[in-house]
Structures are given as structure tokens and as C-alpha cells.
Full PDB file with SEQRES, HELIX, SHEET, SSBOND, CRYST1, ORIGX, SCALE, CONECT and MASTER records, all heavy atoms in Angstrom:
SEQRES   1 A   29  PHE HIS ALA LEU MET ALA ARG SER ASP ALA VAL ALA SER          
SEQRES   2 A   29  ARG VAL LEU ARG ASN MET ALA ARG ARG VAL GLY ASP LEU          
SEQRES   3 A   29  GLN ARG LEU                                                  
HELIX    1 AA1 HIS A    2  ARG A    7  1                                   6    
HELIX    2 AA2 ASP A    9  ARG A   28  1                                  20    
CRYST1    1.000    1.000    1.000  90.00  90.00  90.00 P 1           1          
ORIGX1      1.000000  0.000000  0.000000        0.00000                         
ORIGX2      0.000000  1.000000  0.000000        0.00000                         
ORIGX3      0.000000  0.000000  1.000000        0.00000                         
SCALE1      1.000000  0.000000  0.000000        0.00000                         
SCALE2      0.000000  1.000000  0.000000        0.00000                         
SCALE3      0.000000  0.000000  1.000000        0.00000                         
ATOM      1  N   PHE A   1     -36.929  22.633  45.254  1.00  0.00           N  
ATOM      2  CA  PHE A   1     -36.781  23.261  46.545  1.00  0.00           C  
ATOM      3  C   PHE A   1     -38.024  23.311  47.367  1.00  0.00           C  
ATOM      4  O   PHE A   1     -38.100  22.959  48.516  1.00  0.00           O  
ATOM      5  CB  PHE A   1     -36.119  24.646  46.352  1.00  0.00           C  
ATOM      6  CG  PHE A   1     -36.085  25.431  47.646  1.00  0.00           C  
ATOM      7  CD1 PHE A   1     -35.159  25.183  48.697  1.00  0.00           C  
ATOM      8  CD2 PHE A   1     -37.009  26.521  47.785  1.00  0.00           C  
ATOM      9  CE1 PHE A   1     -35.183  25.900  49.797  1.00  0.00           C  
ATOM     10  CE2 PHE A   1     -36.932  27.284  48.987  1.00  0.00           C  
ATOM     11  CZ  PHE A   1     -36.113  26.990  49.999  1.00  0.00           C  
ATOM     12  N   HIS A   2     -39.047  23.812  46.690  1.00  0.00           N  
ATOM     13  CA  HIS A   2     -40.332  23.899  47.404  1.00  0.00           C  
ATOM     14  C   HIS A   2     -40.900  22.524  47.778  1.00  0.00           C  
ATOM     15  O   HIS A   2     -41.492  22.384  48.901  1.00  0.00           O  
ATOM     16  CB  HIS A   2     -41.354  24.695  46.570  1.00  0.00           C  
ATOM     17  CG  HIS A   2     -40.997  26.166  46.411  1.00  0.00           C  
ATOM     18  ND1 HIS A   2     -40.908  26.995  47.599  1.00  0.00           N  
ATOM     19  CD2 HIS A   2     -40.692  26.993  45.426  1.00  0.00           C  
ATOM     20  CE1 HIS A   2     -40.546  28.224  47.179  1.00  0.00           C  
ATOM     21  NE2 HIS A   2     -40.385  28.224  45.867  1.00  0.00           N  
ATOM     22  N   ALA A   3     -40.712  21.576  46.883  1.00  0.00           N  
ATOM     23  CA  ALA A   3     -41.153  20.200  47.198  1.00  0.00           C  
ATOM     24  C   ALA A   3     -40.305  19.668  48.445  1.00  0.00           C  
ATOM     25  O   ALA A   3     -40.976  18.979  49.303  1.00  0.00           O  
ATOM     26  CB  ALA A   3     -40.890  19.309  46.092  1.00  0.00           C  
ATOM     27  N   LEU A   4     -39.104  19.978  48.540  1.00  0.00           N  
ATOM     28  CA  LEU A   4     -38.263  19.551  49.581  1.00  0.00           C  
ATOM     29  C   LEU A   4     -38.809  20.148  50.920  1.00  0.00           C  
ATOM     30  O   LEU A   4     -38.857  19.475  51.956  1.00  0.00           O  
ATOM     31  CB  LEU A   4     -36.806  19.909  49.390  1.00  0.00           C  
ATOM     32  CG  LEU A   4     -35.821  19.667  50.582  1.00  0.00           C  
ATOM     33  CD1 LEU A   4     -35.682  18.175  50.858  1.00  0.00           C  
ATOM     34  CD2 LEU A   4     -34.445  20.314  50.183  1.00  0.00           C  
ATOM     35  N   MET A   5     -39.130  21.435  50.906  1.00  0.00           N  
ATOM     36  CA  MET A   5     -39.660  22.145  52.037  1.00  0.00           C  
ATOM     37  C   MET A   5     -40.933  21.501  52.548  1.00  0.00           C  
ATOM     38  O   MET A   5     -41.161  21.367  53.757  1.00  0.00           O  
ATOM     39  CB  MET A   5     -39.826  23.611  51.751  1.00  0.00           C  
ATOM     40  CG  MET A   5     -38.567  24.418  51.409  1.00  0.00           C  
ATOM     41  SD  MET A   5     -37.793  24.951  52.920  1.00  0.00           S  
ATOM     42  CE  MET A   5     -38.854  26.221  53.531  1.00  0.00           C  
ATOM     43  N   ALA A   6     -41.771  21.146  51.659  1.00  0.00           N  
ATOM     44  CA  ALA A   6     -43.077  20.547  52.000  1.00  0.00           C  
ATOM     45  C   ALA A   6     -42.852  19.079  52.498  1.00  0.00           C  
ATOM     46  O   ALA A   6     -43.688  18.669  53.372  1.00  0.00           O  
ATOM     47  CB  ALA A   6     -43.992  20.518  50.785  1.00  0.00           C  
ATOM     48  N   ARG A   7     -41.786  18.452  52.103  1.00  0.00           N  
ATOM     49  CA  ARG A   7     -41.629  17.018  52.460  1.00  0.00           C  
ATOM     50  C   ARG A   7     -41.077  16.889  53.831  1.00  0.00           C  
ATOM     51  O   ARG A   7     -41.474  15.946  54.569  1.00  0.00           O  
ATOM     52  CB  ARG A   7     -40.676  16.315  51.522  1.00  0.00           C  
ATOM     53  CG  ARG A   7     -40.435  14.930  51.773  1.00  0.00           C  
ATOM     54  CD  ARG A   7     -39.370  14.265  50.862  1.00  0.00           C  
ATOM     55  NE  ARG A   7     -39.317  12.826  51.060  1.00  0.00           N  
ATOM     56  CZ  ARG A   7     -39.939  11.957  50.339  1.00  0.00           C  
ATOM     57  NH1 ARG A   7     -40.613  12.274  49.296  1.00  0.00           N  
ATOM     58  NH2 ARG A   7     -39.726  10.631  50.592  1.00  0.00           N  
ATOM     59  N   SER A   8     -40.198  17.773  54.269  1.00  0.00           N  
ATOM     60  CA  SER A   8     -39.566  17.605  55.615  1.00  0.00           C  
ATOM     61  C   SER A   8     -39.627  18.890  56.460  1.00  0.00           C  
ATOM     62  O   SER A   8     -39.193  19.969  56.077  1.00  0.00           O  
ATOM     63  CB  SER A   8     -38.115  17.262  55.410  1.00  0.00           C  
ATOM     64  OG  SER A   8     -37.395  17.284  56.605  1.00  0.00           O  
ATOM     65  N   ASP A   9     -40.358  18.807  57.613  1.00  0.00           N  
ATOM     66  CA  ASP A   9     -40.394  19.873  58.486  1.00  0.00           C  
ATOM     67  C   ASP A   9     -39.084  20.307  59.128  1.00  0.00           C  
ATOM     68  O   ASP A   9     -38.757  21.500  59.320  1.00  0.00           O  
ATOM     69  CB  ASP A   9     -41.413  19.587  59.726  1.00  0.00           C  
ATOM     70  CG  ASP A   9     -42.863  19.491  59.284  1.00  0.00           C  
ATOM     71  OD1 ASP A   9     -43.149  20.007  58.083  1.00  0.00           O  
ATOM     72  OD2 ASP A   9     -43.638  18.891  59.919  1.00  0.00           O  
ATOM     73  N   ALA A  10     -38.234  19.312  59.321  1.00  0.00           N  
ATOM     74  CA  ALA A  10     -36.888  19.588  59.885  1.00  0.00           C  
ATOM     75  C   ALA A  10     -36.037  20.357  58.836  1.00  0.00           C  
ATOM     76  O   ALA A  10     -35.385  21.273  59.246  1.00  0.00           O  
ATOM     77  CB  ALA A  10     -36.246  18.289  60.217  1.00  0.00           C  
ATOM     78  N   VAL A  11     -36.076  19.969  57.567  1.00  0.00           N  
ATOM     79  CA  VAL A  11     -35.350  20.709  56.577  1.00  0.00           C  
ATOM     80  C   VAL A  11     -35.877  22.126  56.431  1.00  0.00           C  
ATOM     81  O   VAL A  11     -35.186  23.113  56.390  1.00  0.00           O  
ATOM     82  CB  VAL A  11     -35.455  19.950  55.237  1.00  0.00           C  
ATOM     83  CG1 VAL A  11     -34.828  20.889  54.055  1.00  0.00           C  
ATOM     84  CG2 VAL A  11     -34.604  18.664  55.293  1.00  0.00           C  
ATOM     85  N   ALA A  12     -37.205  22.256  56.484  1.00  0.00           N  
ATOM     86  CA  ALA A  12     -37.855  23.568  56.305  1.00  0.00           C  
ATOM     87  C   ALA A  12     -37.427  24.492  57.485  1.00  0.00           C  
ATOM     88  O   ALA A  12     -37.235  25.693  57.284  1.00  0.00           O  
ATOM     89  CB  ALA A  12     -39.374  23.446  56.288  1.00  0.00           C  
ATOM     90  N   SER A  13     -37.358  23.930  58.695  1.00  0.00           N  
ATOM     91  CA  SER A  13     -36.925  24.725  59.891  1.00  0.00           C  
ATOM     92  C   SER A  13     -35.524  25.226  59.723  1.00  0.00           C  
ATOM     93  O   SER A  13     -35.186  26.326  60.009  1.00  0.00           O  
ATOM     94  CB  SER A  13     -37.121  23.815  61.125  1.00  0.00           C  
ATOM     95  OG  SER A  13     -36.645  24.562  62.208  1.00  0.00           O  
ATOM     96  N   ARG A  14     -34.645  24.354  59.216  1.00  0.00           N  
ATOM     97  CA  ARG A  14     -33.214  24.731  59.020  1.00  0.00           C  
ATOM     98  C   ARG A  14     -33.119  25.846  57.951  1.00  0.00           C  
ATOM     99  O   ARG A  14     -32.307  26.819  58.131  1.00  0.00           O  
ATOM    100  CB  ARG A  14     -32.406  23.520  58.587  1.00  0.00           C  
ATOM    101  CG  ARG A  14     -32.234  22.466  59.644  1.00  0.00           C  
ATOM    102  CD  ARG A  14     -31.245  21.379  59.187  1.00  0.00           C  
ATOM    103  NE  ARG A  14     -31.219  20.291  60.146  1.00  0.00           N  
ATOM    104  CZ  ARG A  14     -31.839  19.158  59.799  1.00  0.00           C  
ATOM    105  NH1 ARG A  14     -32.383  18.950  58.674  1.00  0.00           N  
ATOM    106  NH2 ARG A  14     -31.809  18.088  60.776  1.00  0.00           N  
ATOM    107  N   VAL A  15     -33.871  25.723  56.918  1.00  0.00           N  
ATOM    108  CA  VAL A  15     -33.903  26.675  55.828  1.00  0.00           C  
ATOM    109  C   VAL A  15     -34.309  28.062  56.338  1.00  0.00           C  
ATOM    110  O   VAL A  15     -33.693  29.095  56.083  1.00  0.00           O  
ATOM    111  CB  VAL A  15     -34.801  26.229  54.669  1.00  0.00           C  
ATOM    112  CG1 VAL A  15     -35.030  27.414  53.696  1.00  0.00           C  
ATOM    113  CG2 VAL A  15     -34.178  25.097  53.905  1.00  0.00           C  
ATOM    114  N   LEU A  16     -35.410  28.053  57.160  1.00  0.00           N  
ATOM    115  CA  LEU A  16     -35.900  29.307  57.663  1.00  0.00           C  
ATOM    116  C   LEU A  16     -34.898  30.019  58.653  1.00  0.00           C  
ATOM    117  O   LEU A  16     -34.854  31.211  58.673  1.00  0.00           O  
ATOM    118  CB  LEU A  16     -37.265  29.105  58.281  1.00  0.00           C  
ATOM    119  CG  LEU A  16     -38.461  28.699  57.318  1.00  0.00           C  
ATOM    120  CD1 LEU A  16     -39.723  28.399  58.070  1.00  0.00           C  
ATOM    121  CD2 LEU A  16     -38.676  29.853  56.298  1.00  0.00           C  
ATOM    122  N   ARG A  17     -34.206  29.187  59.416  1.00  0.00           N  
ATOM    123  CA  ARG A  17     -33.274  29.740  60.311  1.00  0.00           C  
ATOM    124  C   ARG A  17     -32.109  30.368  59.567  1.00  0.00           C  
ATOM    125  O   ARG A  17     -31.589  31.453  59.901  1.00  0.00           O  
ATOM    126  CB  ARG A  17     -32.735  28.687  61.266  1.00  0.00           C  
ATOM    127  CG  ARG A  17     -33.694  28.265  62.442  1.00  0.00           C  
ATOM    128  CD  ARG A  17     -32.936  27.537  63.487  1.00  0.00           C  
ATOM    129  NE  ARG A  17     -32.273  26.316  63.093  1.00  0.00           N  
ATOM    130  CZ  ARG A  17     -32.751  25.138  63.058  1.00  0.00           C  
ATOM    131  NH1 ARG A  17     -34.045  24.965  63.446  1.00  0.00           N  
ATOM    132  NH2 ARG A  17     -32.103  24.141  62.643  1.00  0.00           N  
ATOM    133  N   ASN A  18     -31.694  29.625  58.503  1.00  0.00           N  
ATOM    134  CA  ASN A  18     -30.552  30.187  57.724  1.00  0.00           C  
ATOM    135  C   ASN A  18     -31.083  31.535  57.020  1.00  0.00           C  
ATOM    136  O   ASN A  18     -30.243  32.522  56.880  1.00  0.00           O  
ATOM    137  CB  ASN A  18     -30.192  29.233  56.603  1.00  0.00           C  
ATOM    138  CG  ASN A  18     -29.360  28.084  57.161  1.00  0.00           C  
ATOM    139  OD1 ASN A  18     -28.854  28.170  58.300  1.00  0.00           O  
ATOM    140  ND2 ASN A  18     -29.297  26.989  56.506  1.00  0.00           N  
ATOM    141  N   MET A  19     -32.306  31.588  56.602  1.00  0.00           N  
ATOM    142  CA  MET A  19     -32.797  32.769  55.955  1.00  0.00           C  
ATOM    143  C   MET A  19     -32.788  33.924  56.853  1.00  0.00           C  
ATOM    144  O   MET A  19     -32.317  35.020  56.477  1.00  0.00           O  
ATOM    145  CB  MET A  19     -34.195  32.515  55.393  1.00  0.00           C  
ATOM    146  CG  MET A  19     -34.828  33.665  54.776  1.00  0.00           C  
ATOM    147  SD  MET A  19     -36.543  33.348  54.178  1.00  0.00           S  
ATOM    148  CE  MET A  19     -37.023  35.078  53.566  1.00  0.00           C  
ATOM    149  N   ALA A  20     -33.218  33.775  58.099  1.00  0.00           N  
ATOM    150  CA  ALA A  20     -33.300  34.807  59.010  1.00  0.00           C  
ATOM    151  C   ALA A  20     -31.822  35.411  59.250  1.00  0.00           C  
ATOM    152  O   ALA A  20     -31.630  36.527  59.427  1.00  0.00           O  
ATOM    153  CB  ALA A  20     -33.913  34.368  60.366  1.00  0.00           C  
ATOM    154  N   ARG A  21     -30.891  34.457  59.379  1.00  0.00           N  
ATOM    155  CA  ARG A  21     -29.564  34.835  59.654  1.00  0.00           C  
ATOM    156  C   ARG A  21     -28.977  35.682  58.504  1.00  0.00           C  
ATOM    157  O   ARG A  21     -28.289  36.731  58.708  1.00  0.00           O  
ATOM    158  CB  ARG A  21     -28.675  33.626  59.889  1.00  0.00           C  
ATOM    159  CG  ARG A  21     -27.102  33.884  60.088  1.00  0.00           C  
ATOM    160  CD  ARG A  21     -26.390  32.670  60.499  1.00  0.00           C  
ATOM    161  NE  ARG A  21     -26.642  31.545  59.634  1.00  0.00           N  
ATOM    162  CZ  ARG A  21     -25.989  31.334  58.514  1.00  0.00           C  
ATOM    163  NH1 ARG A  21     -25.073  32.211  58.091  1.00  0.00           N  
ATOM    164  NH2 ARG A  21     -26.139  30.243  57.790  1.00  0.00           N  
ATOM    165  N   ARG A  22     -29.279  35.199  57.241  1.00  0.00           N  
ATOM    166  CA  ARG A  22     -28.713  35.866  56.150  1.00  0.00           C  
ATOM    167  C   ARG A  22     -29.436  37.273  55.862  1.00  0.00           C  
ATOM    168  O   ARG A  22     -28.677  38.212  55.464  1.00  0.00           O  
ATOM    169  CB  ARG A  22     -28.870  35.069  54.803  1.00  0.00           C  
ATOM    170  CG  ARG A  22     -27.989  33.854  54.844  1.00  0.00           C  
ATOM    171  CD  ARG A  22     -27.868  33.168  53.525  1.00  0.00           C  
ATOM    172  NE  ARG A  22     -26.899  32.108  53.568  1.00  0.00           N  
ATOM    173  CZ  ARG A  22     -27.262  30.797  53.799  1.00  0.00           C  
ATOM    174  NH1 ARG A  22     -28.516  30.497  53.919  1.00  0.00           N  
ATOM    175  NH2 ARG A  22     -26.313  29.848  53.908  1.00  0.00           N  
ATOM    176  N   VAL A  23     -30.663  37.393  56.162  1.00  0.00           N  
ATOM    177  CA  VAL A  23     -31.330  38.729  56.033  1.00  0.00           C  
ATOM    178  C   VAL A  23     -30.670  39.669  57.050  1.00  0.00           C  
ATOM    179  O   VAL A  23     -30.447  40.800  56.732  1.00  0.00           O  
ATOM    180  CB  VAL A  23     -32.852  38.557  56.357  1.00  0.00           C  
ATOM    181  CG1 VAL A  23     -33.440  39.955  56.448  1.00  0.00           C  
ATOM    182  CG2 VAL A  23     -33.486  37.813  55.121  1.00  0.00           C  
ATOM    183  N   GLY A  24     -30.358  39.147  58.231  1.00  0.00           N  
ATOM    184  CA  GLY A  24     -29.655  39.962  59.237  1.00  0.00           C  
ATOM    185  C   GLY A  24     -28.324  40.482  58.730  1.00  0.00           C  
ATOM    186  O   GLY A  24     -27.905  41.507  58.981  1.00  0.00           O  
ATOM    187  N   ASP A  25     -27.561  39.479  58.089  1.00  0.00           N  
ATOM    188  CA  ASP A  25     -26.197  39.860  57.514  1.00  0.00           C  
ATOM    189  C   ASP A  25     -26.376  41.023  56.558  1.00  0.00           C  
ATOM    190  O   ASP A  25     -25.600  41.976  56.509  1.00  0.00           O  
ATOM    191  CB  ASP A  25     -25.525  38.679  56.882  1.00  0.00           C  
ATOM    192  CG  ASP A  25     -25.163  37.629  57.850  1.00  0.00           C  
ATOM    193  OD1 ASP A  25     -25.072  37.951  59.023  1.00  0.00           O  
ATOM    194  OD2 ASP A  25     -24.972  36.422  57.457  1.00  0.00           O  
ATOM    195  N   LEU A  26     -27.409  40.921  55.662  1.00  0.00           N  
ATOM    196  CA  LEU A  26     -27.642  41.911  54.611  1.00  0.00           C  
ATOM    197  C   LEU A  26     -28.002  43.340  55.304  1.00  0.00           C  
ATOM    198  O   LEU A  26     -27.591  44.314  54.787  1.00  0.00           O  
ATOM    199  CB  LEU A  26     -28.712  41.460  53.642  1.00  0.00           C  
ATOM    200  CG  LEU A  26     -28.388  40.329  52.692  1.00  0.00           C  
ATOM    201  CD1 LEU A  26     -29.659  39.886  51.975  1.00  0.00           C  
ATOM    202  CD2 LEU A  26     -27.202  40.730  51.762  1.00  0.00           C  
ATOM    203  N   GLN A  27     -28.749  43.195  56.336  1.00  0.00           N  
ATOM    204  CA  GLN A  27     -29.129  44.484  57.051  1.00  0.00           C  
ATOM    205  C   GLN A  27     -27.921  45.102  57.674  1.00  0.00           C  
ATOM    206  O   GLN A  27     -27.722  46.333  57.556  1.00  0.00           O  
ATOM    207  CB  GLN A  27     -30.202  44.106  58.153  1.00  0.00           C  
ATOM    208  CG  GLN A  27     -31.503  43.812  57.578  1.00  0.00           C  
ATOM    209  CD  GLN A  27     -32.484  43.272  58.692  1.00  0.00           C  
ATOM    210  OE1 GLN A  27     -32.082  42.807  59.689  1.00  0.00           O  
ATOM    211  NE2 GLN A  27     -33.768  43.523  58.432  1.00  0.00           N  
ATOM    212  N   ARG A  28     -27.080  44.329  58.292  1.00  0.00           N  
ATOM    213  CA  ARG A  28     -25.822  44.893  58.829  1.00  0.00           C  
ATOM    214  C   ARG A  28     -24.902  45.468  57.831  1.00  0.00           C  
ATOM    215  O   ARG A  28     -24.333  46.501  58.012  1.00  0.00           O  
ATOM    216  CB  ARG A  28     -25.143  43.700  59.655  1.00  0.00           C  
ATOM    217  CG  ARG A  28     -25.672  43.508  61.015  1.00  0.00           C  
ATOM    218  CD  ARG A  28     -24.757  42.600  61.812  1.00  0.00           C  
ATOM    219  NE  ARG A  28     -24.526  41.289  61.246  1.00  0.00           N  
ATOM    220  CZ  ARG A  28     -25.434  40.263  61.362  1.00  0.00           C  
ATOM    221  NH1 ARG A  28     -26.424  40.334  62.163  1.00  0.00           N  
ATOM    222  NH2 ARG A  28     -25.127  39.111  60.863  1.00  0.00           N  
ATOM    223  N   LEU A  29     -24.861  44.851  56.631  1.00  0.00           N  
ATOM    224  CA  LEU A  29     -24.040  45.275  55.561  1.00  0.00           C  
ATOM    225  C   LEU A  29     -24.513  46.723  55.121  1.00  0.00           C  
ATOM    226  O   LEU A  29     -23.753  47.600  54.912  1.00  0.00           O  
ATOM    227  CB  LEU A  29     -24.032  44.361  54.377  1.00  0.00           C  
ATOM    228  CG  LEU A  29     -23.326  44.814  53.149  1.00  0.00           C  
ATOM    229  CD1 LEU A  29     -21.789  44.882  53.464  1.00  0.00           C  
ATOM    230  CD2 LEU A  29     -23.561  43.918  51.897  1.00  0.00           C  
TER     231      LEU A  29                                                      
MASTER        0    0    0    2    0    0    0    6  230    1    0    3          
END                                                                             
């Protein structure tokens, strides 16, 4: 996973957006 993040900026950007959304979901819960 970490190698994938380092290889592609586009993939890393999508991962970080998903992470922010999921952390928000957990906060709302």
C-alpha cells in the first residue's frame, strides 16, 4: 500500500480524500 502511494500522486490523492471522508463519518457516528 505504501509503495502504491509513493508511485502515483493521483492514487495518493484519492486515498487521502477517502480517508478525510471516513474520519468525518466516524466523528458523526
